[in-house]
Amino acid sequence: MAVAVLGESSSLTRAAQAKERQKNSPAPVAGATNPDPVDQEYEKLLELDDAAQEEVDKWIRDAKAFEVKGSSLPEAMLKSKIEQRFGEVKKSYETFLQLHPKHAKARLAYGSFLNDIQDDGAAVTHWEKARELDPSNPAAWNNLANHYGHRGPIKKAFEYYDKAIELNPKEAVYLQNLATTVYLFRDDAMGHYHITEDQVFAKALDLYRQALKLDPKNFPLATDLAQSYYGIKPLRTKEALEAWEYAAKVANDNIEREGVYLHMARVELNSGMFDAARQHINIVTNQMYDVLKGRLTRNLAEKESKAKKGDSPEAGNTLGTLSSDAFKPSTSGLGTRRDPAK
């Protein structure tokens, strides 16, 4: 069994999954004294899954901490320990599904577990079965769309995201996932939706905005929208800066906020707004951004020099030598493509 190194982003995804499970759990019937034993067994199974994932995350964090101090558990021993812990969960799922093979939610949850431990093929099998058993559950469509978005065919990703949104148009993650896929696979989106490249950008931006209305404090989502402007030529400076200003407002901490300021400086210096760019660069004090600050400062000096000589500041024509990925704060999980529900 392949062992996934489960980090912070995985934990955040599982937290969202737990929230969605709670929302979709059967409501208690007034006066009922005998809850459905199958539902009880299913809930215990989910608790076992979550507990194992959290425990493994802790083991990995502890191993990294010990490694920094010069001593750690041998990698082979840690891997064996993780496989054994996840093996218990896997066996519990399989036992439950042998007894209840038509339990769609269990199939969906088991697929998410298998996906977390990087058994993609088996995950898809259970997600497809969950979709067949309960085609009205949008999570199954979204999970499969995630898979097809990474593995292809992309056409299926579009179709499945569209279906998930049709079933639950108020789930921000589904809208965000489709927006990301449309933006990244623009040629495929043009062919699938029979639209132009300009309309593809418009569609992606609109989907991001819809998602942000549903989840207005979601920083990774806000930065996804803002970064989308880098692909549009000529650069829509005003819209891009407004998007980054919003991202700064919903940033979770100063590290994320300073990363946004560097993005703003990048847009400004490539639009000839040199004073504004300099101000945003100077605001940033965290050492983790020193290299990026240095590059932006050099780019700013070069562009100012060219402008003084009468050369064009190349606004909207180039975004410099820094990729947008370089600006992503280490604490953010940009481009989330996972489902909030199991």
C-alpha atoms as a PDB file:
ATOM      1  CA  MET A   1       0.000   0.000   0.000  1.00  0.00           C
ATOM      2  CA  ALA A   2       1.335   3.421  -0.899  1.00  0.00           C
ATOM      3  CA  VAL A   3       1.654   5.695   2.114  1.00  0.00           C
ATOM      4  CA  ALA A   4       0.521   9.260   1.749  1.00  0.00           C
ATOM      5  CA  VAL A   5       2.461  11.909   3.605  1.00  0.00           C
ATOM      6  CA  LEU A   6      -0.535  13.704   5.014  1.00  0.00           C
ATOM      7  CA  GLY A   7       0.187  17.335   5.688  1.00  0.00           C
ATOM      8  CA  GLU A   8      -1.746  20.395   6.755  1.00  0.00           C
ATOM      9  CA  SER A   9      -3.793  20.695   3.565  1.00  0.00           C
ATOM     10  CA  SER A  10      -5.049  17.127   3.957  1.00  0.00           C
ATOM     11  CA  SER A  11      -6.138  17.876   7.518  1.00  0.00           C
ATOM     12  CA  LEU A  12      -8.027  20.952   6.375  1.00  0.00           C
ATOM     13  CA  THR A  13      -9.777  18.912   3.725  1.00  0.00           C
ATOM     14  CA  ARG A  14     -10.816  16.270   6.224  1.00  0.00           C
ATOM     15  CA  ALA A  15     -12.127  18.981   8.557  1.00  0.00           C
ATOM     16  CA  ALA A  16     -14.346  20.208   5.739  1.00  0.00           C
ATOM     17  CA  GLN A  17     -15.371  16.634   5.023  1.00  0.00           C
ATOM     18  CA  ALA A  18     -16.383  16.144   8.654  1.00  0.00           C
ATOM     19  CA  LYS A  19     -18.451  19.331   8.527  1.00  0.00           C
ATOM     20  CA  GLU A  20     -20.217  18.133   5.394  1.00  0.00           C
ATOM     21  CA  ARG A  21     -20.851  14.702   6.914  1.00  0.00           C
ATOM     22  CA  GLN A  22     -22.453  16.337   9.926  1.00  0.00           C
ATOM     23  CA  LYS A  23     -24.638  18.411   7.638  1.00  0.00           C
ATOM     24  CA  ASN A  24     -25.731  15.332   5.668  1.00  0.00           C
ATOM     25  CA  SER A  25     -26.194  12.981   8.629  1.00  0.00           C
ATOM     26  CA  PRO A  26     -29.769  11.784   9.161  1.00  0.00           C
ATOM     27  CA  ALA A  27     -31.659  14.136  11.476  1.00  0.00           C
ATOM     28  CA  PRO A  28     -32.811  12.493  14.701  1.00  0.00           C
ATOM     29  CA  VAL A  29     -36.495  11.661  14.689  1.00  0.00           C
ATOM     30  CA  ALA A  30     -38.436  13.203  17.589  1.00  0.00           C
ATOM     31  CA  GLY A  31     -39.353  10.558  20.141  1.00  0.00           C
ATOM     32  CA  ALA A  32     -37.203   7.896  18.506  1.00  0.00           C
ATOM     33  CA  THR A  33     -35.523   5.570  20.989  1.00  0.00           C
ATOM     34  CA  ASN A  34     -33.950   3.091  18.561  1.00  0.00           C
ATOM     35  CA  PRO A  35     -31.548   4.799  16.121  1.00  0.00           C
ATOM     36  CA  ASP A  36     -30.742   2.914  12.948  1.00  0.00           C
ATOM     37  CA  PRO A  37     -27.900   0.526  13.898  1.00  0.00           C
ATOM     38  CA  VAL A  38     -26.448   0.739  10.378  1.00  0.00           C
ATOM     39  CA  ASP A  39     -26.197   4.527  10.645  1.00  0.00           C
ATOM     40  CA  GLN A  40     -24.561   4.174  14.041  1.00  0.00           C
ATOM     41  CA  GLU A  41     -22.049   1.698  12.642  1.00  0.00           C
ATOM     42  CA  TYR A  42     -21.357   4.006   9.713  1.00  0.00           C
ATOM     43  CA  GLU A  43     -20.713   6.996  12.003  1.00  0.00           C
ATOM     44  CA  LYS A  44     -18.293   4.925  14.086  1.00  0.00           C
ATOM     45  CA  LEU A  45     -16.498   3.980  10.889  1.00  0.00           C
ATOM     46  CA  LEU A  46     -16.054   7.649   9.991  1.00  0.00           C
ATOM     47  CA  GLU A  47     -14.788   8.409  13.479  1.00  0.00           C
ATOM     48  CA  LEU A  48     -12.240   5.595  13.127  1.00  0.00           C
ATOM     49  CA  ASP A  49     -11.127   7.029   9.777  1.00  0.00           C
ATOM     50  CA  ASP A  50     -10.733  10.573  11.134  1.00  0.00           C
ATOM     51  CA  ALA A  51      -8.921   9.379  14.262  1.00  0.00           C
ATOM     52  CA  ALA A  52      -6.440   7.363  12.208  1.00  0.00           C
ATOM     53  CA  GLN A  53      -5.777  10.254   9.836  1.00  0.00           C
ATOM     54  CA  GLU A  54      -5.174  12.652  12.723  1.00  0.00           C
ATOM     55  CA  GLU A  55      -2.913  10.159  14.483  1.00  0.00           C
ATOM     56  CA  VAL A  56      -0.817   9.604  11.365  1.00  0.00           C
ATOM     57  CA  ASP A  57      -0.545  13.349  10.809  1.00  0.00           C
ATOM     58  CA  LYS A  58       0.801  13.679  14.347  1.00  0.00           C
ATOM     59  CA  TRP A  59       3.337  10.901  13.797  1.00  0.00           C
ATOM     60  CA  ILE A  60       4.614  12.640  10.672  1.00  0.00           C
ATOM     61  CA  ARG A  61       4.809  16.043  12.365  1.00  0.00           C
ATOM     62  CA  ASP A  62       6.647  14.506  15.330  1.00  0.00           C
ATOM     63  CA  ALA A  63       9.052  12.708  12.990  1.00  0.00           C
ATOM     64  CA  LYS A  64       9.870  15.984  11.237  1.00  0.00           C
ATOM     65  CA  ALA A  65      10.380  17.737  14.568  1.00  0.00           C
ATOM     66  CA  PHE A  66      12.720  14.992  15.793  1.00  0.00           C
ATOM     67  CA  GLU A  67      14.599  15.091  12.489  1.00  0.00           C
ATOM     68  CA  VAL A  68      15.318  18.791  12.994  1.00  0.00           C
ATOM     69  CA  LYS A  69      16.794  17.911  16.385  1.00  0.00           C
ATOM     70  CA  GLY A  70      18.994  15.252  14.807  1.00  0.00           C
ATOM     71  CA  SER A  71      17.102  12.123  15.823  1.00  0.00           C
ATOM     72  CA  SER A  72      14.060  10.525  14.252  1.00  0.00           C
ATOM     73  CA  LEU A  73      12.263   7.225  13.786  1.00  0.00           C
ATOM     74  CA  PRO A  74      13.737   5.280  10.830  1.00  0.00           C
ATOM     75  CA  GLU A  75      11.692   5.929   7.677  1.00  0.00           C
ATOM     76  CA  ALA A  76      10.969   2.241   7.094  1.00  0.00           C
ATOM     77  CA  MET A  77       9.688   1.873  10.657  1.00  0.00           C
ATOM     78  CA  LEU A  78       7.448   4.939  10.350  1.00  0.00           C
ATOM     79  CA  LYS A  79       6.098   3.693   7.028  1.00  0.00           C
ATOM     80  CA  SER A  80       5.311   0.292   8.522  1.00  0.00           C
ATOM     81  CA  LYS A  81       3.582   1.935  11.478  1.00  0.00           C
ATOM     82  CA  ILE A  82       1.440   4.080   9.175  1.00  0.00           C
ATOM     83  CA  GLU A  83       0.525   1.150   6.926  1.00  0.00           C
ATOM     84  CA  GLN A  84      -0.555  -0.874   9.929  1.00  0.00           C
ATOM     85  CA  ARG A  85      -2.737   1.952  11.256  1.00  0.00           C
ATOM     86  CA  PHE A  86      -4.355   2.590   7.903  1.00  0.00           C
ATOM     87  CA  GLY A  87      -4.698  -1.139   7.348  1.00  0.00           C
ATOM     88  CA  GLU A  88      -7.038  -1.290  10.346  1.00  0.00           C
ATOM     89  CA  VAL A  89      -9.227   1.409   8.806  1.00  0.00           C
ATOM     90  CA  LYS A  90      -9.197  -0.276   5.413  1.00  0.00           C
ATOM     91  CA  LYS A  91     -10.286  -3.570   6.932  1.00  0.00           C
ATOM     92  CA  SER A  92     -13.126  -1.860   8.815  1.00  0.00           C
ATOM     93  CA  TYR A  93     -14.416  -0.238   5.633  1.00  0.00           C
ATOM     94  CA  GLU A  94     -14.259  -3.491   3.710  1.00  0.00           C
ATOM     95  CA  THR A  95     -16.052  -5.404   6.457  1.00  0.00           C
ATOM     96  CA  PHE A  96     -18.811  -2.787   6.580  1.00  0.00           C
ATOM     97  CA  LEU A  97     -19.234  -2.804   2.793  1.00  0.00           C
ATOM     98  CA  GLN A  98     -19.395  -6.586   2.677  1.00  0.00           C
ATOM     99  CA  LEU A  99     -22.385  -6.363   5.017  1.00  0.00           C
ATOM    100  CA  HIS A 100     -23.864  -3.237   3.383  1.00  0.00           C
ATOM    101  CA  PRO A 101     -22.705  -3.189  -0.265  1.00  0.00           C
ATOM    102  CA  LYS A 102     -25.345  -0.617  -1.301  1.00  0.00           C
ATOM    103  CA  HIS A 103     -24.406   1.971   1.327  1.00  0.00           C
ATOM    104  CA  ALA A 104     -23.545   4.894  -0.978  1.00  0.00           C
ATOM    105  CA  LYS A 105     -22.113   7.185   1.689  1.00  0.00           C
ATOM    106  CA  ALA A 106     -19.771   4.476   2.941  1.00  0.00           C
ATOM    107  CA  ARG A 107     -18.558   3.908  -0.626  1.00  0.00           C
ATOM    108  CA  LEU A 108     -17.957   7.640  -0.948  1.00  0.00           C
ATOM    109  CA  ALA A 109     -16.087   7.843   2.362  1.00  0.00           C
ATOM    110  CA  TYR A 110     -13.974   4.778   1.580  1.00  0.00           C
ATOM    111  CA  GLY A 111     -13.051   6.312  -1.779  1.00  0.00           C
ATOM    112  CA  SER A 112     -11.874   9.464  -0.015  1.00  0.00           C
ATOM    113  CA  PHE A 113      -9.830   7.393   2.423  1.00  0.00           C
ATOM    114  CA  LEU A 114      -8.230   5.434  -0.424  1.00  0.00           C
ATOM    115  CA  ASN A 115      -7.505   8.661  -2.263  1.00  0.00           C
ATOM    116  CA  ASP A 116      -5.804  10.044   0.855  1.00  0.00           C
ATOM    117  CA  ILE A 117      -3.482   7.042   0.966  1.00  0.00           C
ATOM    118  CA  GLN A 118      -2.805   7.436  -2.765  1.00  0.00           C
ATOM    119  CA  ASP A 119      -4.694   4.375  -3.987  1.00  0.00           C
ATOM    120  CA  ASP A 120      -6.341   6.351  -6.786  1.00  0.00           C
ATOM    121  CA  GLY A 121      -7.618   3.443  -8.834  1.00  0.00           C
ATOM    122  CA  ALA A 122      -9.490   1.851  -5.952  1.00  0.00           C
ATOM    123  CA  ALA A 123     -10.822   5.275  -4.894  1.00  0.00           C
ATOM    124  CA  VAL A 124     -12.379   5.836  -8.322  1.00  0.00           C
ATOM    125  CA  THR A 125     -13.986   2.390  -8.243  1.00  0.00           C
ATOM    126  CA  HIS A 126     -15.796   3.172  -4.993  1.00  0.00           C
ATOM    127  CA  TRP A 127     -16.713   6.714  -6.046  1.00  0.00           C
ATOM    128  CA  GLU A 128     -18.222   5.399  -9.277  1.00  0.00           C
ATOM    129  CA  LYS A 129     -20.186   2.821  -7.298  1.00  0.00           C
ATOM    130  CA  ALA A 130     -21.387   5.550  -4.916  1.00  0.00           C
ATOM    131  CA  ARG A 131     -22.494   7.628  -7.912  1.00  0.00           C
ATOM    132  CA  GLU A 132     -24.437   4.672  -9.326  1.00  0.00           C
ATOM    133  CA  LEU A 133     -26.084   3.958  -5.973  1.00  0.00           C
ATOM    134  CA  ASP A 134     -27.003   7.587  -5.296  1.00  0.00           C
ATOM    135  CA  PRO A 135     -26.719   9.770  -8.407  1.00  0.00           C
ATOM    136  CA  SER A 136     -28.252  12.679  -6.470  1.00  0.00           C
ATOM    137  CA  ASN A 137     -25.199  13.033  -4.198  1.00  0.00           C
ATOM    138  CA  PRO A 138     -23.064  15.872  -5.605  1.00  0.00           C
ATOM    139  CA  ALA A 139     -19.955  14.829  -3.654  1.00  0.00           C
ATOM    140  CA  ALA A 140     -19.547  11.684  -5.738  1.00  0.00           C
ATOM    141  CA  TRP A 141     -19.665  13.700  -8.965  1.00  0.00           C
ATOM    142  CA  ASN A 142     -17.185  16.247  -7.616  1.00  0.00           C
ATOM    143  CA  ASN A 143     -14.722  13.646  -6.349  1.00  0.00           C
ATOM    144  CA  LEU A 144     -14.735  11.918  -9.723  1.00  0.00           C
ATOM    145  CA  ALA A 145     -14.366  15.269 -11.483  1.00  0.00           C
ATOM    146  CA  ASN A 146     -11.276  15.927  -9.349  1.00  0.00           C
ATOM    147  CA  HIS A 147      -9.836  12.627 -10.542  1.00  0.00           C
ATOM    148  CA  TYR A 148     -10.567  13.280 -14.208  1.00  0.00           C
ATOM    149  CA  GLY A 149      -9.218  16.808 -13.861  1.00  0.00           C
ATOM    150  CA  HIS A 150      -5.866  15.331 -12.834  1.00  0.00           C
ATOM    151  CA  ARG A 151      -5.857  12.166 -14.943  1.00  0.00           C
ATOM    152  CA  GLY A 152      -8.166  12.942 -17.854  1.00  0.00           C
ATOM    153  CA  PRO A 153     -10.246  12.915 -19.861  1.00  0.00           C
ATOM    154  CA  ILE A 154     -10.789  16.601 -19.081  1.00  0.00           C
ATOM    155  CA  LYS A 155     -14.172  16.490 -20.821  1.00  0.00           C
ATOM    156  CA  LYS A 156     -15.438  14.237 -18.029  1.00  0.00           C
ATOM    157  CA  ALA A 157     -14.135  16.664 -15.406  1.00  0.00           C
ATOM    158  CA  PHE A 158     -16.206  19.475 -16.931  1.00  0.00           C
ATOM    159  CA  GLU A 159     -19.287  17.260 -17.151  1.00  0.00           C
ATOM    160  CA  TYR A 160     -18.998  15.957 -13.596  1.00  0.00           C
ATOM    161  CA  TYR A 161     -18.317  19.353 -12.024  1.00  0.00           C
ATOM    162  CA  ASP A 162     -21.316  20.744 -13.904  1.00  0.00           C
ATOM    163  CA  LYS A 163     -23.446  17.928 -12.505  1.00  0.00           C
ATOM    164  CA  ALA A 164     -22.194  18.493  -8.945  1.00  0.00           C
ATOM    165  CA  ILE A 165     -23.050  22.202  -9.236  1.00  0.00           C
ATOM    166  CA  GLU A 166     -26.469  21.386 -10.693  1.00  0.00           C
ATOM    167  CA  LEU A 167     -27.163  19.171  -7.676  1.00  0.00           C
ATOM    168  CA  ASN A 168     -25.789  21.662  -5.143  1.00  0.00           C
ATOM    169  CA  PRO A 169     -25.252  25.156  -6.582  1.00  0.00           C
ATOM    170  CA  LYS A 170     -24.478  26.586  -3.134  1.00  0.00           C
ATOM    171  CA  GLU A 171     -21.305  24.588  -2.471  1.00  0.00           C
ATOM    172  CA  ALA A 172     -18.381  26.970  -3.034  1.00  0.00           C
ATOM    173  CA  VAL A 173     -15.813  24.203  -3.522  1.00  0.00           C
ATOM    174  CA  TYR A 174     -17.621  22.792  -6.552  1.00  0.00           C
ATOM    175  CA  LEU A 175     -17.647  26.216  -8.204  1.00  0.00           C
ATOM    176  CA  GLN A 176     -13.999  26.817  -7.318  1.00  0.00           C
ATOM    177  CA  ASN A 177     -12.963  23.437  -8.694  1.00  0.00           C
ATOM    178  CA  LEU A 178     -14.727  24.016 -12.007  1.00  0.00           C
ATOM    179  CA  ALA A 179     -13.293  27.540 -12.236  1.00  0.00           C
ATOM    180  CA  THR A 180      -9.768  26.186 -11.746  1.00  0.00           C
ATOM    181  CA  THR A 181     -10.250  23.452 -14.347  1.00  0.00           C
ATOM    182  CA  VAL A 182     -11.737  25.850 -16.901  1.00  0.00           C
ATOM    183  CA  TYR A 183      -8.862  28.277 -16.336  1.00  0.00           C
ATOM    184  CA  LEU A 184      -6.086  25.686 -16.502  1.00  0.00           C
ATOM    185  CA  PHE A 185      -7.484  23.775 -19.494  1.00  0.00           C
ATOM    186  CA  ARG A 186      -8.602  26.704 -21.599  1.00  0.00           C
ATOM    187  CA  ASP A 187      -8.346  24.972 -24.981  1.00  0.00           C
ATOM    188  CA  ASP A 188     -10.393  22.039 -23.706  1.00  0.00           C
ATOM    189  CA  ALA A 189     -12.924  24.419 -22.166  1.00  0.00           C
ATOM    190  CA  MET A 190     -13.256  26.292 -25.453  1.00  0.00           C
ATOM    191  CA  GLY A 191     -14.040  23.050 -27.241  1.00  0.00           C
ATOM    192  CA  HIS A 192     -16.333  21.617 -24.585  1.00  0.00           C
ATOM    193  CA  TYR A 193     -18.444  24.727 -23.987  1.00  0.00           C
ATOM    194  CA  HIS A 194     -18.117  26.067 -27.574  1.00  0.00           C
ATOM    195  CA  ILE A 195     -16.845  29.459 -26.423  1.00  0.00           C
ATOM    196  CA  THR A 196     -13.930  31.777 -27.218  1.00  0.00           C
ATOM    197  CA  GLU A 197     -10.829  32.236 -25.066  1.00  0.00           C
ATOM    198  CA  ASP A 198     -12.155  35.571 -23.790  1.00  0.00           C
ATOM    199  CA  GLN A 199     -15.377  33.815 -22.797  1.00  0.00           C
ATOM    200  CA  VAL A 200     -13.360  31.091 -21.062  1.00  0.00           C
ATOM    201  CA  PHE A 201     -11.667  33.721 -18.892  1.00  0.00           C
ATOM    202  CA  ALA A 202     -15.050  35.320 -18.219  1.00  0.00           C
ATOM    203  CA  LYS A 203     -16.511  31.955 -17.225  1.00  0.00           C
ATOM    204  CA  ALA A 204     -13.645  31.134 -14.864  1.00  0.00           C
ATOM    205  CA  LEU A 205     -13.765  34.566 -13.214  1.00  0.00           C
ATOM    206  CA  ASP A 206     -17.539  34.369 -12.825  1.00  0.00           C
ATOM    207  CA  LEU A 207     -17.307  30.925 -11.199  1.00  0.00           C
ATOM    208  CA  TYR A 208     -14.645  32.165  -8.774  1.00  0.00           C
ATOM    209  CA  ARG A 209     -16.796  35.169  -7.887  1.00  0.00           C
ATOM    210  CA  GLN A 210     -19.847  32.984  -7.299  1.00  0.00           C
ATOM    211  CA  ALA A 211     -17.780  30.740  -5.034  1.00  0.00           C
ATOM    212  CA  LEU A 212     -16.430  33.733  -3.120  1.00  0.00           C
ATOM    213  CA  LYS A 213     -19.944  35.038  -2.496  1.00  0.00           C
ATOM    214  CA  LEU A 214     -20.760  31.706  -0.869  1.00  0.00           C
ATOM    215  CA  ASP A 215     -17.486  31.557   1.090  1.00  0.00           C
ATOM    216  CA  PRO A 216     -16.370  35.210   1.411  1.00  0.00           C
ATOM    217  CA  LYS A 217     -13.613  34.658   3.993  1.00  0.00           C
ATOM    218  CA  ASN A 218     -11.833  31.889   2.088  1.00  0.00           C
ATOM    219  CA  PHE A 219      -8.313  33.213   1.509  1.00  0.00           C
ATOM    220  CA  PRO A 220      -7.103  30.498  -0.923  1.00  0.00           C
ATOM    221  CA  LEU A 221     -10.243  31.044  -2.980  1.00  0.00           C
ATOM    222  CA  ALA A 222      -9.697  34.817  -3.016  1.00  0.00           C
ATOM    223  CA  THR A 223      -6.117  34.336  -4.193  1.00  0.00           C
ATOM    224  CA  ASP A 224      -7.224  31.887  -6.891  1.00  0.00           C
ATOM    225  CA  LEU A 225      -9.481  34.602  -8.287  1.00  0.00           C
ATOM    226  CA  ALA A 226      -6.760  37.256  -8.069  1.00  0.00           C
ATOM    227  CA  GLN A 227      -4.092  35.080  -9.708  1.00  0.00           C
ATOM    228  CA  SER A 228      -6.423  34.358 -12.623  1.00  0.00           C
ATOM    229  CA  TYR A 229      -5.756  37.871 -13.928  1.00  0.00           C
ATOM    230  CA  TYR A 230      -2.138  36.955 -14.686  1.00  0.00           C
ATOM    231  CA  GLY A 231      -3.299  34.884 -17.652  1.00  0.00           C
ATOM    232  CA  ILE A 232      -5.397  37.634 -19.244  1.00  0.00           C
ATOM    233  CA  LYS A 233      -3.768  39.902 -21.834  1.00  0.00           C
ATOM    234  CA  PRO A 234      -3.734  42.822 -21.677  1.00  0.00           C
ATOM    235  CA  LEU A 235      -3.543  42.819 -17.910  1.00  0.00           C
ATOM    236  CA  ARG A 236      -6.685  44.207 -16.268  1.00  0.00           C
ATOM    237  CA  THR A 237      -4.778  46.209 -13.700  1.00  0.00           C
ATOM    238  CA  LYS A 238      -7.715  47.749 -11.836  1.00  0.00           C
ATOM    239  CA  GLU A 239      -9.625  44.457 -11.527  1.00  0.00           C
ATOM    240  CA  ALA A 240      -6.493  42.552 -10.535  1.00  0.00           C
ATOM    241  CA  LEU A 241      -5.589  45.033  -7.790  1.00  0.00           C
ATOM    242  CA  GLU A 242      -9.158  45.021  -6.471  1.00  0.00           C
ATOM    243  CA  ALA A 243      -9.022  41.221  -6.264  1.00  0.00           C
ATOM    244  CA  TRP A 244      -5.701  41.328  -4.402  1.00  0.00           C
ATOM    245  CA  GLU A 245      -6.999  44.023  -2.037  1.00  0.00           C
ATOM    246  CA  TYR A 246      -9.888  41.731  -1.150  1.00  0.00           C
ATOM    247  CA  ALA A 247      -7.468  38.839  -0.590  1.00  0.00           C
ATOM    248  CA  ALA A 248      -5.472  41.030   1.798  1.00  0.00           C
ATOM    249  CA  LYS A 249      -8.639  41.723   3.800  1.00  0.00           C
ATOM    250  CA  VAL A 250      -9.390  38.011   4.290  1.00  0.00           C
ATOM    251  CA  ALA A 251      -5.791  36.878   4.867  1.00  0.00           C
ATOM    252  CA  ASN A 252      -5.480  34.695   7.952  1.00  0.00           C
ATOM    253  CA  ASP A 253      -2.173  36.096   9.151  1.00  0.00           C
ATOM    254  CA  ASN A 254       0.595  38.524   8.317  1.00  0.00           C
ATOM    255  CA  ILE A 255       2.528  35.962   6.269  1.00  0.00           C
ATOM    256  CA  GLU A 256      -0.376  35.542   3.859  1.00  0.00           C
ATOM    257  CA  ARG A 257      -1.009  39.314   3.854  1.00  0.00           C
ATOM    258  CA  GLU A 258       2.591  40.150   2.962  1.00  0.00           C
ATOM    259  CA  GLY A 259       2.480  37.585   0.168  1.00  0.00           C
ATOM    260  CA  VAL A 260      -0.505  39.484  -1.212  1.00  0.00           C
ATOM    261  CA  TYR A 261       1.402  42.785  -1.015  1.00  0.00           C
ATOM    262  CA  LEU A 262       4.117  41.300  -3.209  1.00  0.00           C
ATOM    263  CA  HIS A 263       1.506  40.240  -5.737  1.00  0.00           C
ATOM    264  CA  MET A 264       0.135  43.774  -5.736  1.00  0.00           C
ATOM    265  CA  ALA A 265       3.612  45.191  -6.231  1.00  0.00           C
ATOM    266  CA  ARG A 266       4.120  42.839  -9.153  1.00  0.00           C
ATOM    267  CA  VAL A 267       0.943  44.015 -10.865  1.00  0.00           C
ATOM    268  CA  GLU A 268       1.773  47.658 -10.173  1.00  0.00           C
ATOM    269  CA  LEU A 269       5.357  47.619 -11.415  1.00  0.00           C
ATOM    270  CA  ASN A 270       4.250  45.924 -14.641  1.00  0.00           C
ATOM    271  CA  SER A 271       1.592  48.596 -15.066  1.00  0.00           C
ATOM    272  CA  GLY A 272       3.921  51.561 -14.582  1.00  0.00           C
ATOM    273  CA  MET A 273       2.663  52.299 -11.051  1.00  0.00           C
ATOM    274  CA  PHE A 274       6.173  52.473  -9.634  1.00  0.00           C
ATOM    275  CA  ASP A 275       5.525  54.433  -6.437  1.00  0.00           C
ATOM    276  CA  ALA A 276       2.667  52.148  -5.430  1.00  0.00           C
ATOM    277  CA  ALA A 277       4.801  49.085  -6.164  1.00  0.00           C
ATOM    278  CA  ARG A 278       7.643  50.441  -4.023  1.00  0.00           C
ATOM    279  CA  GLN A 279       5.268  51.100  -1.123  1.00  0.00           C
ATOM    280  CA  HIS A 280       3.937  47.530  -1.189  1.00  0.00           C
ATOM    281  CA  ILE A 281       7.445  46.057  -1.425  1.00  0.00           C
ATOM    282  CA  ASN A 282       8.593  48.112   1.563  1.00  0.00           C
ATOM    283  CA  ILE A 283       5.653  46.954   3.694  1.00  0.00           C
ATOM    284  CA  VAL A 284       6.931  43.374   3.553  1.00  0.00           C
ATOM    285  CA  THR A 285       9.276  42.547   6.442  1.00  0.00           C
ATOM    286  CA  ASN A 286       9.111  38.756   6.813  1.00  0.00           C
ATOM    287  CA  GLN A 287      12.459  37.161   5.971  1.00  0.00           C
ATOM    288  CA  MET A 288      10.821  34.319   4.046  1.00  0.00           C
ATOM    289  CA  TYR A 289      10.068  36.847   1.290  1.00  0.00           C
ATOM    290  CA  ASP A 290      13.572  38.373   1.085  1.00  0.00           C
ATOM    291  CA  VAL A 291      14.449  36.671  -2.224  1.00  0.00           C
ATOM    292  CA  LEU A 292      11.177  37.721  -3.842  1.00  0.00           C
ATOM    293  CA  LYS A 293      11.552  41.260  -2.522  1.00  0.00           C
ATOM    294  CA  GLY A 294      15.007  41.409  -4.025  1.00  0.00           C
ATOM    295  CA  ARG A 295      13.800  40.304  -7.451  1.00  0.00           C
ATOM    296  CA  LEU A 296      10.901  42.719  -7.436  1.00  0.00           C
ATOM    297  CA  THR A 297      13.144  45.566  -6.306  1.00  0.00           C
ATOM    298  CA  ARG A 298      15.545  44.859  -9.186  1.00  0.00           C
ATOM    299  CA  ASN A 299      12.680  44.617 -11.679  1.00  0.00           C
ATOM    300  CA  LEU A 300      11.270  47.887 -10.376  1.00  0.00           C
ATOM    301  CA  ALA A 301      14.611  49.665 -10.783  1.00  0.00           C
ATOM    302  CA  GLU A 302      15.001  48.351 -14.343  1.00  0.00           C
ATOM    303  CA  LYS A 303      11.500  49.393 -15.370  1.00  0.00           C
ATOM    304  CA  GLU A 304      11.846  52.847 -13.792  1.00  0.00           C
ATOM    305  CA  SER A 305      15.139  53.337 -15.622  1.00  0.00           C
ATOM    306  CA  LYS A 306      13.570  52.377 -18.943  1.00  0.00           C
ATOM    307  CA  ALA A 307      10.616  54.667 -18.290  1.00  0.00           C
ATOM    308  CA  LYS A 308      12.940  57.634 -17.601  1.00  0.00           C
ATOM    309  CA  LYS A 309      14.654  56.959 -20.940  1.00  0.00           C
ATOM    310  CA  GLY A 310      11.293  57.070 -22.670  1.00  0.00           C
ATOM    311  CA  ASP A 311      10.894  53.328 -23.108  1.00  0.00           C
ATOM    312  CA  SER A 312       7.490  51.712 -22.539  1.00  0.00           C
ATOM    313  CA  PRO A 313       6.920  50.300 -19.031  1.00  0.00           C
ATOM    314  CA  GLU A 314       5.491  47.259 -20.844  1.00  0.00           C
ATOM    315  CA  ALA A 315       2.256  47.484 -18.903  1.00  0.00           C
ATOM    316  CA  GLY A 316       0.086  44.480 -19.621  1.00  0.00           C
ATOM    317  CA  ASN A 317       2.689  43.021 -21.973  1.00  0.00           C
ATOM    318  CA  THR A 318       4.823  41.134 -19.502  1.00  0.00           C
ATOM    319  CA  LEU A 319       4.653  39.923 -15.949  1.00  0.00           C
ATOM    320  CA  GLY A 320       8.382  39.910 -15.407  1.00  0.00           C
ATOM    321  CA  THR A 321      10.506  36.932 -14.523  1.00  0.00           C
ATOM    322  CA  LEU A 322       8.644  35.798 -11.424  1.00  0.00           C
ATOM    323  CA  SER A 323       6.056  33.060 -11.677  1.00  0.00           C
ATOM    324  CA  SER A 324       2.840  33.444  -9.701  1.00  0.00           C
ATOM    325  CA  ASP A 325       3.662  30.224  -7.826  1.00  0.00           C
ATOM    326  CA  ALA A 326       6.667  31.914  -6.269  1.00  0.00           C
ATOM    327  CA  PHE A 327       4.382  34.231  -4.336  1.00  0.00           C
ATOM    328  CA  LYS A 328       2.154  31.625  -2.759  1.00  0.00           C
ATOM    329  CA  PRO A 329       2.419  31.848   1.041  1.00  0.00           C
ATOM    330  CA  SER A 330       3.628  28.588   2.520  1.00  0.00           C
ATOM    331  CA  THR A 331       0.625  28.387   4.829  1.00  0.00           C
ATOM    332  CA  SER A 332      -2.004  28.561   2.098  1.00  0.00           C
ATOM    333  CA  GLY A 333      -3.314  25.676   0.025  1.00  0.00           C
ATOM    334  CA  LEU A 334      -4.018  27.492  -3.212  1.00  0.00           C
ATOM    335  CA  GLY A 335      -5.945  25.753  -5.937  1.00  0.00           C
ATOM    336  CA  THR A 336      -7.924  23.465  -3.701  1.00  0.00           C
ATOM    337  CA  ARG A 337      -9.438  20.712  -5.802  1.00  0.00           C
ATOM    338  CA  ARG A 338     -10.658  18.365  -3.093  1.00  0.00           C
ATOM    339  CA  ASP A 339     -14.231  17.778  -2.071  1.00  0.00           C
ATOM    340  CA  PRO A 340     -15.615  18.992   1.263  1.00  0.00           C
ATOM    341  CA  ALA A 341     -17.696  15.853   1.610  1.00  0.00           C
ATOM    342  CA  LYS A 342     -16.947  12.156   1.722  1.00  0.00           C
END
